[in-house]
Amino acid sequence: MNTSASSATGAATAASLPLSATLANQTNSVPLTRVALATIEPHFNLYLRFGEPAHMIRLDRWRRWAVFMPGVIFCRVRWQASDYGTVRWQLMVMQACTPLDAALRIPGVQPGARLLLNVEGNHLVRSVLERIDAIEALGIVPAATSPAYWRTLGNRLAARLALPEYTIERHTAWLAGRVLS
C-alpha cells in the first residue's frame, strides 16, 4: 500500500469534514467563502491582517482555511522572501459574497470574492498597512469600514494621488447610509 497516497486521501477527507459540518450547521445553507492561509518560516507567510472568520479549519502545521460568511470584509497579506530578502509583498482587501454577486476568482479564495483593494510592492503595502493602523487607532474595526473607502484608496494609490483618511465622520455617514438602505 502506498502510504503517501493514503495519507493524502486521509488529509483530503479530514479537511472536507469540518467544512461539511460547518455547512450542516447553517440553517439557511448560506454559501461560505474559504480563504487559504499558510506559513512556512522563514520564506512564506499568507495571513489575515483583519477580518473575523466564522470558522478556522486547520489542515496541518503550515496550512489552514478561514471561512467567512457573505458580506464580511477581510484583508489577506502575502509575503514571500528568498535568502536575500523580500521577493513579493501583496495585500488584498476582499468581501465575501453570495453566488448571485459579481465575484472574482482569486487564487486561494473559494469560490471567489469581491476585490476591493489589491496592492503589490513594499511601498504600497506599507502605505495601506499605515491606513489600517490609523483606522484601528480611531477605535474602528477595519472590517467594518466602508467598501467604497477601500476602492477609493486603491484608485488613489494607482493614480499616485494623496491618500484619503478614514474619519469618524465618514464612518458615521456610511453606517447611517446602511441603515437607510
N, C-alpha and C. Protein backbone atom coordinates (compact mmCIF):
# COMPACT_ATOMS: atom_id res chain seq x y z
N MET A 1 0.85 -1.20 0.00
CA MET A 1 0.00 0.00 0.00
C MET A 1 0.88 1.24 0.00
N ASN A 2 0.53 2.20 -0.82
CA ASN A 2 1.29 3.43 -0.93
C ASN A 2 0.89 4.35 0.22
N THR A 3 1.80 4.61 1.13
CA THR A 3 1.47 5.41 2.31
C THR A 3 1.24 6.87 1.98
N SER A 4 1.95 7.38 0.96
CA SER A 4 1.75 8.80 0.63
C SER A 4 0.38 9.02 0.03
N ALA A 5 -0.11 8.06 -0.78
CA ALA A 5 -1.45 8.21 -1.36
C ALA A 5 -2.52 8.10 -0.29
N SER A 6 -2.35 7.16 0.65
CA SER A 6 -3.36 7.01 1.69
C SER A 6 -3.36 8.20 2.64
N SER A 7 -2.18 8.77 2.91
CA SER A 7 -2.15 9.94 3.80
C SER A 7 -2.73 11.16 3.11
N ALA A 8 -2.53 11.26 1.78
CA ALA A 8 -3.12 12.38 1.05
C ALA A 8 -4.64 12.27 1.04
N THR A 9 -5.15 11.04 0.85
CA THR A 9 -6.59 10.83 0.87
C THR A 9 -7.16 11.13 2.25
N GLY A 10 -6.45 10.70 3.29
CA GLY A 10 -6.90 10.97 4.65
C GLY A 10 -6.90 12.45 4.96
N ALA A 11 -5.89 13.19 4.44
CA ALA A 11 -5.84 14.64 4.66
C ALA A 11 -6.99 15.32 3.96
N ALA A 12 -7.31 14.86 2.73
CA ALA A 12 -8.41 15.49 2.00
C ALA A 12 -9.73 15.22 2.71
N THR A 13 -9.92 14.00 3.20
CA THR A 13 -11.16 13.68 3.91
C THR A 13 -11.27 14.48 5.20
N ALA A 14 -10.16 14.58 5.94
CA ALA A 14 -10.17 15.33 7.19
C ALA A 14 -10.42 16.81 6.94
N ALA A 15 -9.90 17.32 5.82
CA ALA A 15 -10.08 18.74 5.52
C ALA A 15 -11.51 19.03 5.11
N SER A 16 -12.18 18.07 4.44
CA SER A 16 -13.54 18.35 3.97
C SER A 16 -14.57 18.13 5.08
N LEU A 17 -14.28 17.31 6.06
CA LEU A 17 -15.26 17.05 7.12
C LEU A 17 -15.62 18.28 7.94
N PRO A 18 -14.65 19.07 8.42
CA PRO A 18 -15.05 20.23 9.21
C PRO A 18 -15.88 21.22 8.40
N LEU A 19 -15.56 21.39 7.09
CA LEU A 19 -16.33 22.32 6.28
C LEU A 19 -17.75 21.80 6.09
N SER A 20 -17.92 20.49 5.83
CA SER A 20 -19.28 19.97 5.69
C SER A 20 -20.04 20.09 6.99
N ALA A 21 -19.34 19.90 8.11
CA ALA A 21 -20.00 20.06 9.41
C ALA A 21 -20.44 21.51 9.59
N THR A 22 -19.61 22.44 9.15
CA THR A 22 -19.96 23.86 9.24
C THR A 22 -21.17 24.15 8.37
N LEU A 23 -21.17 23.60 7.15
CA LEU A 23 -22.30 23.82 6.26
C LEU A 23 -23.57 23.20 6.82
N ALA A 24 -23.45 22.04 7.45
CA ALA A 24 -24.63 21.38 8.02
C ALA A 24 -25.23 22.19 9.15
N ASN A 25 -24.40 22.93 9.88
CA ASN A 25 -24.88 23.75 10.98
C ASN A 25 -25.58 25.01 10.51
N GLN A 26 -25.41 25.40 9.25
CA GLN A 26 -26.05 26.59 8.72
C GLN A 26 -27.50 26.26 8.39
N THR A 27 -28.42 26.93 9.06
CA THR A 27 -29.83 26.62 8.86
C THR A 27 -30.33 27.06 7.48
N ASN A 28 -29.83 28.16 6.96
CA ASN A 28 -30.27 28.66 5.67
C ASN A 28 -29.38 28.21 4.54
N SER A 29 -28.47 27.29 4.79
CA SER A 29 -27.46 26.85 3.83
C SER A 29 -26.81 28.05 3.14
N VAL A 30 -26.29 28.94 3.95
CA VAL A 30 -25.62 30.14 3.48
C VAL A 30 -24.31 29.75 2.81
N PRO A 31 -24.02 30.25 1.61
CA PRO A 31 -22.75 29.93 0.96
C PRO A 31 -21.59 30.61 1.69
N LEU A 32 -20.55 29.88 1.92
CA LEU A 32 -19.40 30.39 2.65
C LEU A 32 -18.22 30.60 1.72
N THR A 33 -17.34 31.51 2.08
CA THR A 33 -16.12 31.77 1.33
C THR A 33 -14.95 31.23 2.13
N ARG A 34 -14.13 30.40 1.49
CA ARG A 34 -12.95 29.83 2.14
C ARG A 34 -11.71 30.54 1.62
N VAL A 35 -10.82 30.90 2.54
CA VAL A 35 -9.60 31.63 2.20
C VAL A 35 -8.42 30.82 2.71
N ALA A 36 -7.51 30.49 1.80
CA ALA A 36 -6.33 29.71 2.15
C ALA A 36 -5.31 30.59 2.87
N LEU A 37 -4.75 30.07 3.95
CA LEU A 37 -3.70 30.74 4.72
C LEU A 37 -2.57 29.75 4.92
N ALA A 38 -1.34 30.23 4.96
CA ALA A 38 -0.19 29.33 5.14
C ALA A 38 0.99 30.09 5.71
N THR A 39 1.82 29.35 6.42
CA THR A 39 3.07 29.92 6.95
C THR A 39 4.16 28.87 6.82
N ILE A 40 5.22 29.22 6.12
CA ILE A 40 6.40 28.37 6.03
C ILE A 40 7.58 29.26 6.38
N GLU A 41 8.00 29.17 7.64
CA GLU A 41 9.08 30.02 8.13
C GLU A 41 10.39 29.63 7.49
N PRO A 42 11.23 30.53 7.15
CA PRO A 42 11.13 31.98 7.18
C PRO A 42 10.86 32.60 5.81
N HIS A 43 10.29 31.82 4.88
CA HIS A 43 10.21 32.30 3.49
C HIS A 43 8.82 32.63 2.97
N PHE A 44 7.77 32.24 3.66
CA PHE A 44 6.43 32.45 3.10
C PHE A 44 5.43 32.64 4.22
N ASN A 45 4.58 33.67 4.09
CA ASN A 45 3.53 33.91 5.06
C ASN A 45 2.31 34.47 4.34
N LEU A 46 1.21 33.76 4.39
CA LEU A 46 -0.06 34.16 3.81
C LEU A 46 -1.03 34.22 4.98
N TYR A 47 -1.38 35.44 5.42
CA TYR A 47 -2.13 35.59 6.67
C TYR A 47 -3.21 36.66 6.54
N LEU A 48 -4.14 36.66 7.52
CA LEU A 48 -5.18 37.68 7.58
C LEU A 48 -4.68 38.86 8.40
N ARG A 49 -4.82 40.06 7.86
CA ARG A 49 -4.49 41.26 8.63
C ARG A 49 -5.70 41.69 9.45
N PHE A 50 -6.90 41.58 8.86
CA PHE A 50 -8.13 41.80 9.62
C PHE A 50 -9.25 41.00 8.99
N GLY A 51 -10.34 40.89 9.73
CA GLY A 51 -11.49 40.12 9.30
C GLY A 51 -11.76 39.01 10.29
N GLU A 52 -13.01 38.79 10.60
CA GLU A 52 -13.41 37.77 11.57
C GLU A 52 -13.99 36.57 10.85
N PRO A 53 -13.22 35.49 10.73
CA PRO A 53 -13.78 34.30 10.09
C PRO A 53 -14.83 33.64 10.99
N ALA A 54 -15.82 33.04 10.36
CA ALA A 54 -16.83 32.30 11.10
C ALA A 54 -16.26 31.02 11.66
N HIS A 55 -15.24 30.50 10.98
CA HIS A 55 -14.65 29.23 11.38
C HIS A 55 -13.23 29.14 10.81
N MET A 56 -12.34 28.51 11.54
CA MET A 56 -10.98 28.24 11.05
C MET A 56 -10.82 26.73 10.94
N ILE A 57 -10.30 26.28 9.82
CA ILE A 57 -10.04 24.86 9.60
C ILE A 57 -8.53 24.68 9.48
N ARG A 58 -7.97 23.93 10.38
CA ARG A 58 -6.52 23.68 10.37
C ARG A 58 -6.26 22.40 9.58
N LEU A 59 -5.53 22.53 8.46
CA LEU A 59 -5.23 21.37 7.62
C LEU A 59 -4.01 20.62 8.13
N ASP A 60 -2.96 21.34 8.45
CA ASP A 60 -1.75 20.77 9.02
C ASP A 60 -0.99 21.88 9.71
N ARG A 61 0.26 21.64 10.01
CA ARG A 61 1.06 22.61 10.77
C ARG A 61 1.24 23.93 10.02
N TRP A 62 1.21 23.90 8.70
CA TRP A 62 1.50 25.08 7.90
C TRP A 62 0.28 25.72 7.26
N ARG A 63 -0.75 24.94 7.00
CA ARG A 63 -1.89 25.43 6.22
C ARG A 63 -3.18 25.40 7.02
N ARG A 64 -4.06 26.36 6.69
CA ARG A 64 -5.38 26.42 7.30
C ARG A 64 -6.33 27.18 6.36
N TRP A 65 -7.60 27.02 6.59
CA TRP A 65 -8.64 27.73 5.84
C TRP A 65 -9.37 28.65 6.81
N ALA A 66 -9.62 29.87 6.40
CA ALA A 66 -10.50 30.78 7.13
C ALA A 66 -11.82 30.80 6.36
N VAL A 67 -12.93 30.59 7.05
CA VAL A 67 -14.24 30.51 6.41
C VAL A 67 -15.04 31.75 6.81
N PHE A 68 -15.55 32.47 5.80
CA PHE A 68 -16.26 33.73 6.03
C PHE A 68 -17.70 33.64 5.55
N MET A 69 -18.56 34.33 6.28
CA MET A 69 -19.97 34.48 5.90
C MET A 69 -20.06 35.56 4.81
N PRO A 70 -21.13 35.54 3.98
CA PRO A 70 -21.28 36.57 2.95
C PRO A 70 -21.33 37.97 3.54
N GLY A 71 -20.71 38.91 2.84
CA GLY A 71 -20.71 40.31 3.26
C GLY A 71 -19.55 40.71 4.15
N VAL A 72 -18.82 39.76 4.70
CA VAL A 72 -17.71 40.08 5.60
C VAL A 72 -16.52 40.60 4.80
N ILE A 73 -15.94 41.69 5.28
CA ILE A 73 -14.75 42.26 4.66
C ILE A 73 -13.53 41.75 5.41
N PHE A 74 -12.51 41.36 4.65
CA PHE A 74 -11.28 40.84 5.26
C PHE A 74 -10.08 41.24 4.43
N CYS A 75 -8.92 41.17 5.03
CA CYS A 75 -7.68 41.56 4.37
C CYS A 75 -6.68 40.41 4.48
N ARG A 76 -6.15 39.98 3.34
CA ARG A 76 -5.15 38.92 3.32
C ARG A 76 -3.84 39.49 2.79
N VAL A 77 -2.76 39.18 3.50
CA VAL A 77 -1.43 39.65 3.13
C VAL A 77 -0.59 38.45 2.72
N ARG A 78 0.14 38.61 1.61
CA ARG A 78 1.05 37.57 1.14
C ARG A 78 2.46 38.15 1.17
N TRP A 79 3.33 37.48 1.89
CA TRP A 79 4.73 37.90 1.98
C TRP A 79 5.62 36.71 1.62
N GLN A 80 6.53 36.93 0.68
CA GLN A 80 7.47 35.89 0.27
C GLN A 80 8.87 36.46 0.31
N ALA A 81 9.82 35.61 0.69
CA ALA A 81 11.22 36.04 0.75
C ALA A 81 12.12 34.93 0.23
N SER A 82 13.28 35.34 -0.21
CA SER A 82 14.33 34.40 -0.56
C SER A 82 15.43 34.54 0.49
N ASP A 83 16.54 33.92 0.26
CA ASP A 83 17.65 34.05 1.20
C ASP A 83 18.21 35.47 1.24
N TYR A 84 17.85 36.29 0.24
CA TYR A 84 18.40 37.63 0.13
C TYR A 84 17.43 38.75 0.49
N GLY A 85 16.22 38.41 0.85
CA GLY A 85 15.25 39.43 1.25
C GLY A 85 13.88 39.20 0.66
N THR A 86 13.01 40.20 0.81
CA THR A 86 11.63 40.10 0.35
C THR A 86 11.57 40.01 -1.16
N VAL A 87 10.79 39.05 -1.65
CA VAL A 87 10.60 38.85 -3.09
C VAL A 87 9.26 39.42 -3.53
N ARG A 88 8.22 39.18 -2.73
CA ARG A 88 6.88 39.64 -3.09
C ARG A 88 6.11 40.00 -1.84
N TRP A 89 5.41 41.13 -1.93
CA TRP A 89 4.54 41.57 -0.86
C TRP A 89 3.25 42.03 -1.50
N GLN A 90 2.13 41.42 -1.11
CA GLN A 90 0.84 41.73 -1.71
C GLN A 90 -0.19 41.84 -0.60
N LEU A 91 -1.10 42.80 -0.74
CA LEU A 91 -2.19 42.99 0.21
C LEU A 91 -3.48 43.09 -0.59
N MET A 92 -4.47 42.31 -0.17
CA MET A 92 -5.78 42.33 -0.83
C MET A 92 -6.87 42.50 0.21
N VAL A 93 -7.74 43.47 0.00
CA VAL A 93 -8.94 43.63 0.83
C VAL A 93 -10.09 43.10 -0.02
N MET A 94 -10.80 42.12 0.54
CA MET A 94 -11.88 41.45 -0.19
C MET A 94 -13.15 41.42 0.64
N GLN A 95 -14.24 41.15 -0.06
CA GLN A 95 -15.53 40.99 0.61
C GLN A 95 -16.14 39.67 0.16
N ALA A 96 -16.47 38.82 1.12
CA ALA A 96 -17.11 37.55 0.81
C ALA A 96 -18.49 37.85 0.23
N CYS A 97 -18.90 37.07 -0.76
CA CYS A 97 -20.18 37.36 -1.41
C CYS A 97 -21.00 36.10 -1.61
N THR A 98 -22.21 36.28 -2.11
CA THR A 98 -23.12 35.17 -2.37
C THR A 98 -22.94 34.75 -3.83
N PRO A 99 -23.51 33.61 -4.22
CA PRO A 99 -23.39 33.18 -5.62
C PRO A 99 -24.03 34.15 -6.61
N LEU A 100 -24.96 34.98 -6.16
CA LEU A 100 -25.61 35.94 -7.06
C LEU A 100 -24.82 37.22 -7.25
N ASP A 101 -23.82 37.46 -6.42
CA ASP A 101 -23.00 38.67 -6.53
C ASP A 101 -21.92 38.46 -7.58
N ALA A 102 -21.44 39.58 -8.13
CA ALA A 102 -20.30 39.53 -9.05
C ALA A 102 -19.05 39.31 -8.21
N ALA A 103 -18.35 38.22 -8.49
CA ALA A 103 -17.15 37.88 -7.73
C ALA A 103 -16.01 37.57 -8.67
N LEU A 104 -14.81 37.84 -8.23
CA LEU A 104 -13.61 37.49 -8.99
C LEU A 104 -13.07 36.17 -8.50
N ARG A 105 -12.48 35.42 -9.39
CA ARG A 105 -11.75 34.22 -9.00
C ARG A 105 -10.38 34.67 -8.56
N ILE A 106 -10.07 34.40 -7.32
CA ILE A 106 -8.79 34.81 -6.73
C ILE A 106 -8.12 33.54 -6.23
N PRO A 107 -6.85 33.33 -6.59
CA PRO A 107 -6.17 32.12 -6.11
C PRO A 107 -6.21 32.03 -4.59
N GLY A 108 -6.63 30.86 -4.09
CA GLY A 108 -6.70 30.63 -2.67
C GLY A 108 -7.98 31.12 -2.02
N VAL A 109 -8.93 31.63 -2.81
CA VAL A 109 -10.21 32.10 -2.29
C VAL A 109 -11.30 31.35 -3.05
N GLN A 110 -12.04 30.52 -2.34
CA GLN A 110 -13.06 29.71 -2.99
C GLN A 110 -14.44 30.07 -2.48
N PRO A 111 -15.42 30.29 -3.28
CA PRO A 111 -15.41 30.22 -4.74
C PRO A 111 -14.89 31.49 -5.40
N GLY A 112 -14.72 32.55 -4.66
CA GLY A 112 -14.26 33.84 -5.17
C GLY A 112 -14.69 34.92 -4.19
N ALA A 113 -14.36 36.16 -4.49
CA ALA A 113 -14.73 37.27 -3.61
C ALA A 113 -14.79 38.55 -4.42
N ARG A 114 -15.38 39.55 -3.82
CA ARG A 114 -15.40 40.88 -4.41
C ARG A 114 -14.09 41.55 -3.99
N LEU A 115 -13.27 41.94 -4.96
CA LEU A 115 -11.98 42.55 -4.68
C LEU A 115 -12.15 44.05 -4.51
N LEU A 116 -11.85 44.55 -3.32
CA LEU A 116 -12.00 45.97 -3.02
C LEU A 116 -10.68 46.71 -3.19
N LEU A 117 -9.57 46.07 -2.88
CA LEU A 117 -8.25 46.71 -2.94
C LEU A 117 -7.21 45.64 -3.19
N ASN A 118 -6.29 45.91 -4.13
CA ASN A 118 -5.20 44.99 -4.41
C ASN A 118 -3.94 45.81 -4.67
N VAL A 119 -2.95 45.66 -3.80
CA VAL A 119 -1.68 46.37 -4.00
C VAL A 119 -0.52 45.39 -3.86
N GLU A 120 0.54 45.68 -4.60
CA GLU A 120 1.75 44.88 -4.53
C GLU A 120 2.94 45.79 -4.41
N GLY A 121 3.94 45.34 -3.69
CA GLY A 121 5.17 46.10 -3.53
C GLY A 121 5.30 46.66 -2.13
N ASN A 122 6.52 46.80 -1.72
CA ASN A 122 6.85 47.23 -0.36
C ASN A 122 6.20 48.57 -0.01
N HIS A 123 6.39 49.57 -0.86
CA HIS A 123 5.90 50.92 -0.57
C HIS A 123 4.37 50.96 -0.49
N LEU A 124 3.69 50.35 -1.45
CA LEU A 124 2.22 50.40 -1.48
C LEU A 124 1.61 49.61 -0.31
N VAL A 125 2.16 48.43 -0.03
CA VAL A 125 1.62 47.63 1.08
C VAL A 125 1.82 48.37 2.40
N ARG A 126 2.99 48.96 2.59
CA ARG A 126 3.22 49.72 3.83
C ARG A 126 2.26 50.90 3.95
N SER A 127 1.95 51.56 2.84
CA SER A 127 1.00 52.68 2.87
C SER A 127 -0.38 52.21 3.33
N VAL A 128 -0.82 51.07 2.82
CA VAL A 128 -2.13 50.56 3.21
C VAL A 128 -2.10 50.09 4.67
N LEU A 129 -1.03 49.43 5.08
CA LEU A 129 -0.93 48.99 6.48
C LEU A 129 -0.97 50.19 7.43
N GLU A 130 -0.37 51.31 7.04
CA GLU A 130 -0.44 52.53 7.86
C GLU A 130 -1.88 53.03 7.96
N ARG A 131 -2.63 52.96 6.85
CA ARG A 131 -4.04 53.38 6.87
C ARG A 131 -4.86 52.46 7.78
N ILE A 132 -4.58 51.16 7.73
CA ILE A 132 -5.29 50.21 8.59
C ILE A 132 -5.00 50.52 10.05
N ASP A 133 -3.72 50.79 10.37
CA ASP A 133 -3.36 51.15 11.74
C ASP A 133 -4.07 52.43 12.20
N ALA A 134 -4.19 53.41 11.28
CA ALA A 134 -4.87 54.67 11.61
C ALA A 134 -6.35 54.43 11.88
N ILE A 135 -6.97 53.55 11.11
CA ILE A 135 -8.39 53.22 11.33
C ILE A 135 -8.56 52.56 12.69
N GLU A 136 -7.66 51.64 13.03
CA GLU A 136 -7.74 50.98 14.34
C GLU A 136 -7.49 51.97 15.47
N ALA A 137 -6.64 52.97 15.24
CA ALA A 137 -6.37 53.98 16.26
C ALA A 137 -7.61 54.81 16.56
N LEU A 138 -8.52 54.92 15.58
CA LEU A 138 -9.78 55.64 15.79
C LEU A 138 -10.79 54.80 16.59
N GLY A 139 -10.46 53.54 16.82
CA GLY A 139 -11.38 52.65 17.53
C GLY A 139 -12.38 51.98 16.60
N ILE A 140 -12.10 52.00 15.31
CA ILE A 140 -12.97 51.38 14.32
C ILE A 140 -12.32 50.07 13.87
N VAL A 141 -13.11 49.04 13.79
CA VAL A 141 -12.62 47.76 13.29
C VAL A 141 -12.48 47.90 11.77
N PRO A 142 -11.30 47.63 11.19
CA PRO A 142 -11.13 47.81 9.75
C PRO A 142 -12.12 47.02 8.90
N ALA A 143 -12.58 45.88 9.39
CA ALA A 143 -13.56 45.08 8.64
C ALA A 143 -14.93 45.76 8.60
N ALA A 144 -15.15 46.75 9.45
CA ALA A 144 -16.44 47.45 9.49
C ALA A 144 -16.41 48.75 8.69
N THR A 145 -15.32 49.04 8.01
CA THR A 145 -15.24 50.27 7.23
C THR A 145 -16.01 50.14 5.92
N SER A 146 -16.24 51.25 5.30
CA SER A 146 -16.98 51.30 4.06
C SER A 146 -16.19 50.63 2.92
N PRO A 147 -16.84 49.74 2.15
CA PRO A 147 -16.16 49.16 0.98
C PRO A 147 -15.71 50.23 -0.01
N ALA A 148 -16.46 51.33 -0.09
CA ALA A 148 -16.09 52.41 -1.00
C ALA A 148 -14.75 53.04 -0.61
N TYR A 149 -14.44 53.05 0.68
CA TYR A 149 -13.15 53.60 1.12
C TYR A 149 -12.00 52.76 0.57
N TRP A 150 -12.13 51.44 0.63
CA TRP A 150 -11.05 50.58 0.13
C TRP A 150 -10.87 50.75 -1.37
N ARG A 151 -11.98 50.88 -2.11
CA ARG A 151 -11.88 51.11 -3.55
C ARG A 151 -11.21 52.44 -3.85
N THR A 152 -11.62 53.48 -3.11
CA THR A 152 -11.03 54.81 -3.30
C THR A 152 -9.55 54.79 -2.98
N LEU A 153 -9.18 54.12 -1.91
CA LEU A 153 -7.77 54.02 -1.54
C LEU A 153 -6.96 53.35 -2.64
N GLY A 154 -7.49 52.26 -3.20
CA GLY A 154 -6.80 51.57 -4.29
C GLY A 154 -6.66 52.45 -5.53
N ASN A 155 -7.71 53.21 -5.87
CA ASN A 155 -7.66 54.10 -7.03
C ASN A 155 -6.66 55.22 -6.81
N ARG A 156 -6.63 55.78 -5.61
CA ARG A 156 -5.67 56.85 -5.31
C ARG A 156 -4.23 56.35 -5.36
N LEU A 157 -4.01 55.15 -4.85
CA LEU A 157 -2.66 54.57 -4.91
C LEU A 157 -2.23 54.35 -6.36
N ALA A 158 -3.15 53.84 -7.19
CA ALA A 158 -2.83 53.59 -8.60
C ALA A 158 -2.54 54.89 -9.35
N ALA A 159 -3.26 55.94 -9.00
CA ALA A 159 -3.08 57.24 -9.67
C ALA A 159 -1.98 58.08 -9.02
N ARG A 160 -1.40 57.59 -7.94
CA ARG A 160 -0.36 58.30 -7.19
C ARG A 160 -0.83 59.67 -6.70
N LEU A 161 -2.05 59.67 -6.18
CA LEU A 161 -2.63 60.88 -5.60
C LEU A 161 -2.57 60.78 -4.08
N ALA A 162 -2.93 61.87 -3.42
CA ALA A 162 -2.95 61.89 -1.96
C ALA A 162 -3.96 60.86 -1.45
N LEU A 163 -3.57 60.15 -0.42
CA LEU A 163 -4.43 59.08 0.11
C LEU A 163 -5.48 59.65 1.05
N PRO A 164 -6.72 59.17 0.94
CA PRO A 164 -7.79 59.68 1.79
C PRO A 164 -7.68 59.12 3.21
N GLU A 165 -8.07 59.94 4.17
CA GLU A 165 -8.13 59.49 5.56
C GLU A 165 -9.52 58.93 5.81
N TYR A 166 -9.61 57.93 6.63
CA TYR A 166 -10.91 57.41 7.06
C TYR A 166 -11.19 58.04 8.41
N THR A 167 -12.23 58.85 8.47
CA THR A 167 -12.53 59.60 9.69
C THR A 167 -13.77 59.04 10.38
N ILE A 168 -13.95 59.46 11.61
CA ILE A 168 -15.16 59.08 12.36
C ILE A 168 -16.41 59.58 11.63
N GLU A 169 -16.34 60.79 11.08
CA GLU A 169 -17.48 61.36 10.37
C GLU A 169 -17.84 60.52 9.15
N ARG A 170 -16.82 60.11 8.39
CA ARG A 170 -17.04 59.28 7.20
C ARG A 170 -17.66 57.94 7.61
N HIS A 171 -17.17 57.38 8.69
CA HIS A 171 -17.68 56.09 9.17
C HIS A 171 -19.13 56.22 9.63
N THR A 172 -19.43 57.28 10.37
CA THR A 172 -20.79 57.52 10.84
C THR A 172 -21.75 57.70 9.67
N ALA A 173 -21.32 58.45 8.65
CA ALA A 173 -22.15 58.66 7.47
C ALA A 173 -22.41 57.33 6.75
N TRP A 174 -21.39 56.49 6.64
CA TRP A 174 -21.56 55.21 5.98
C TRP A 174 -22.53 54.32 6.77
N LEU A 175 -22.40 54.29 8.09
CA LEU A 175 -23.30 53.49 8.92
C LEU A 175 -24.75 53.99 8.79
N ALA A 176 -24.92 55.32 8.75
CA ALA A 176 -26.27 55.88 8.60
C ALA A 176 -26.85 55.52 7.24
N GLY A 177 -26.03 55.51 6.20
CA GLY A 177 -26.49 55.11 4.87
C GLY A 177 -26.90 53.66 4.80
N ARG A 178 -26.21 52.81 5.53
CA ARG A 178 -26.56 51.38 5.57
C ARG A 178 -27.90 51.17 6.23
N VAL A 179 -28.21 51.97 7.26
CA VAL A 179 -29.49 51.83 7.95
C VAL A 179 -30.63 52.25 7.02
N LEU A 180 -30.41 53.27 6.20
CA LEU A 180 -31.45 53.77 5.30
C LEU A 180 -31.73 52.83 4.14
N SER A 181 -30.76 52.05 3.72
CA SER A 181 -30.98 51.20 2.53
C SER A 181 -31.53 49.85 2.86
